Structure formats: structure tokens, C-alpha cells
Protein backbone atom coordinates (compact mmCIF):
# COMPACT_ATOMS: atom_id res chain seq x y z
CA MET A 1 37.68 -2.41 11.09
CA SER A 2 33.91 -1.84 9.63
CA ASP A 3 32.63 0.65 6.79
CA ARG A 4 31.14 3.63 7.71
CA THR A 5 27.71 4.10 6.65
CA ILE A 6 26.21 8.06 5.79
CA SER A 7 22.76 7.37 5.21
CA LEU A 8 20.04 4.98 3.52
CA THR A 9 17.52 5.10 1.23
CA VAL A 10 14.38 4.18 1.61
CA VAL A 11 11.46 3.19 -1.22
CA LEU A 12 8.03 2.80 -0.96
CA ASP A 13 5.69 0.45 -2.38
CA ASP A 14 3.61 2.78 -4.49
CA THR A 15 3.58 6.64 -4.70
CA TYR A 16 1.11 8.46 -2.09
CA ARG A 17 0.43 11.83 -1.75
CA VAL A 18 2.65 13.82 0.62
CA ASP A 19 -0.16 14.82 3.26
CA ASP A 20 -0.78 11.25 3.77
CA ILE A 21 2.99 10.35 4.01
CA GLN A 22 3.76 13.14 6.78
CA GLU A 23 3.61 9.87 9.45
CA VAL A 24 5.84 7.89 7.89
CA VAL A 25 8.11 10.91 6.98
CA GLY A 26 7.61 11.48 11.13
CA ALA A 27 8.37 8.22 12.30
CA ILE A 28 11.49 8.10 10.35
CA ARG A 29 12.85 11.27 11.75
CA MET A 30 12.65 9.77 15.67
CA ILE A 31 14.88 6.96 14.15
CA LYS A 32 18.27 7.48 16.61
CA GLY A 33 20.99 9.29 14.50
CA ILE A 34 18.79 10.44 11.59
CA SER A 35 19.84 14.01 10.84
CA SER A 36 17.15 14.69 8.20
CA VAL A 37 14.18 12.79 5.76
CA GLY A 38 13.56 14.11 2.20
CA VAL A 39 10.58 13.59 0.07
CA ASN A 40 11.29 12.99 -3.79
CA VAL A 41 7.94 13.76 -5.38
CA ALA A 42 6.99 11.52 -8.53
CA ASP A 43 7.78 13.08 -11.58
CA SER A 44 8.17 12.17 -15.56
CA ASP A 45 11.24 10.87 -14.74
CA SER A 46 10.48 8.29 -12.27
CA TYR A 47 7.47 6.92 -14.13
CA ILE A 48 9.86 6.38 -17.26
CA ALA A 49 12.31 4.69 -14.86
CA TYR A 50 9.70 2.40 -13.80
CA ASN A 51 7.79 1.53 -16.83
CA ARG A 52 11.76 0.79 -18.64
CA ALA A 53 12.41 -1.73 -15.79
CA ARG A 54 9.55 -3.37 -15.75
CA THR A 55 9.63 -4.07 -19.62
CA ASP A 56 12.98 -4.98 -19.13
CA LEU A 57 11.66 -7.15 -16.22
CA THR A 58 8.98 -9.03 -18.55
CA ASN A 59 11.54 -9.87 -21.49
CA LYS A 60 13.25 -11.59 -19.50
CA ILE A 61 10.67 -14.30 -18.03
CA LEU A 62 9.33 -14.39 -21.00
CA ASP A 63 12.90 -14.90 -22.79
CA ILE A 64 13.09 -17.66 -20.22
CA LEU A 65 9.40 -19.31 -20.62
CA LEU A 66 9.46 -19.38 -24.24
CA LYS A 67 13.40 -20.31 -24.44
CA GLU A 68 13.76 -23.95 -26.50
């Protein structure tokens, strides 16, 4: 028996103005089975999380490259 899916998450490649992304939101709403589409506004928490992840990844890459 197959697992059942309740939701999908879409992550954008950059931050966009809410009014500039409305066409994408409208296109997603047209996909069969979509009940609702929410827009999450970037705030300080999202920027902090992005920068922490970027720093962690940078440190891991440097550790690999500088490992003797």
C-alpha cells in the first residue's frame, strides 16, 4: 500500500515582492488537487536561518579543503 501525501512545500530561489510572485501563486492554484496556497513573508528569522545554514556549509567545505 502506498503512503498518502497531505502537503507539498515549495521553496523559492530568492526573495520576491509579494505582488511580483502572485502569478506563480495563481499557477500553483491551478494545479489539480491544490486546496490552498499560502505565502510566507521573509522576516528576520528566515534571514538568520539562511545565514546560519550558509555559515555551517561554508565551514564544512573549508574543513574538507584544508584537511591535511
